[in-house]
Amino acid sequence: MANVAHRSDRARRFIPNGGSRGAGRRRARWLAAVTLSLLAGCGGGESEDASEGGVTEDPASNTTTFDVTWREDAVVVDDVAAVQNALVRADYATGTLVFDSGFSAMDRFSVGDATLIGGVGIFRIMGVQETAEGTALNVEEASLTDVIEDGTIAFRRSFLSAADDEKVGLGDGADETTAIRSLRQGLTLADGLKYNGNVGGVQLDFSLTPQGNRTLDMSLQGNYGNGPSKLSARLAGTLRGLTTDVDIRVEARSLTAYRVETSQIDGDVTIEASAAALGNIEETIRVPARVALPVVVGGIPFHIDIGGGFELASSLNTQGTAEFKGKAKFRGAVGLDISAGSVSVNDTTLESETSFDSGTLSSNVTVGLRVTLIFPEVALGIGMQQAVSASGFIRFKTEAISNLTVQQRTAVLLPVPVVGGETRSCLESSVSVGATYGGDAKFLGITLAEGELPLATLFGKTERNGDGCE
């Protein structure tokens, strides 16, 4: 058997979408630069509750910039209210949008067109047909560069300070049509978001619950059992601050620059896990539910999501058992820039405090266990898909790892060595914090390869115990 290694996330290659200049540009061009104050009971800067563990964001710094020239060959329907009123049904998974017969923009759509449908998304129209429900558009996801000739889209949003009725709970079983309409009406999340289900053979109980001081509490429990193989992971966290900055630049129908940053991050987490006889496995369990904050800019329905999950790696044999508990606090900022096809990591200010509180690992051979809490996972995309979509994401990870190295003592008897019956062992354990970027950001016209790009890694102190530790 073998120890388990720290998670290794390798950089991926970003491939910007190409495009040629069209015959002409749409003359209509407008600019909006707005400063929003979503105080939600907070003053400028830190809230009065900050000293008592309340929200630590600065919502007074929220801004929006929209300066875009649409492509002449694109169909732009940016009247969100008109779209919401005419929408009968939306199904992102099957690519079906149904509108009532009175929708005035319907006669503008033709097969092959790239279109922005305000509050719904950016699509390529693959078919138009009349149904008993109304007129149905069969669509495929398209990118910003399919509808924008040149322009800048930028915004900054503090997540926790936004009122609960500005946010939408999305996940398995959510109604996408209602979610789109909620861009205007709001869905109250006072009771929080809850998910219960089986993912990859692991029974999950997950909740995101807003607190009275505007913080957000997360609870995630994962249980697995199959004969002697068992896992129980009890993960929890509190988020006191999270602000997202986005800056997108398009020139001549091509993405020339993209910057995304998660700043004012402030949170703490705890990890408790016990496992037995899991064997050699390495899995990522992503909860199929999240809280979304819609940000509609020029009719384009961006969304910033918060979700979670965990990663598991084990080499526990049939006699191997493990149990540990750790915690971490983290704060600061991470981000990245994409320009001319190259990727650079923004200056990170992420810092952390970690501790490995307790742990045991029992085995007659070398084994290990790693549990990594993903929280928060901050995703950016377009549309209101119920399923966890292929958006670009920044994942904050807290990793608890414990490895037991078992060595046989040997007695050297010439001419051959003989293995004795005694053993010595060394238990090494630590808690670390890091952040990664990944996902398939199709809305940017970018293809990402497999894997994740590391943005920051802060290794915690390694605790070592046993007569085999050098």
Foldseek 3Di string as FASTA:
>chain_A
DAADDDDDFADWFKDWFDAAFDPDWDPDWDKDKDFDCLQLQADAAQGPCVVVVFAGEGSRRKIWIWTFIWHPQAAEDQPLVLLLVFWDADAQVQQKTFGAAPSPCVVVDDQQHWYQHFLFAIWHFHDWDADPRHIMTRTDHAAPLSITQWIKTKIKGKPLSHAQQLKDKFFPPDGQSVVSSSPPVGDHQQVWDWDFDAFPQWTWTWTWHQDPSSKIKIWIWIWHDDVLWIKIKTKIKIWRTWMKIWMWTDHRSITFKIKIKIAQTWMKMKIKMKTAANAFDKDWTWHFMWMWRWDGDSSWTKIKTWGWTKIKGWHHHNGKIKIWMKMKIKHWMWMWMAGPRDIDIDDTPIDMDMDTDDMDMDDQAKIKIKMKIWGTKIFMATRRHNTPDQTKIKTKIKMKMKIKHKAFDWDCDPPHIDTDDDIWIKIKIFIWIFMWIDGQHNNSNMGIDDGTHTGTIGTGDIDMDIPPDD
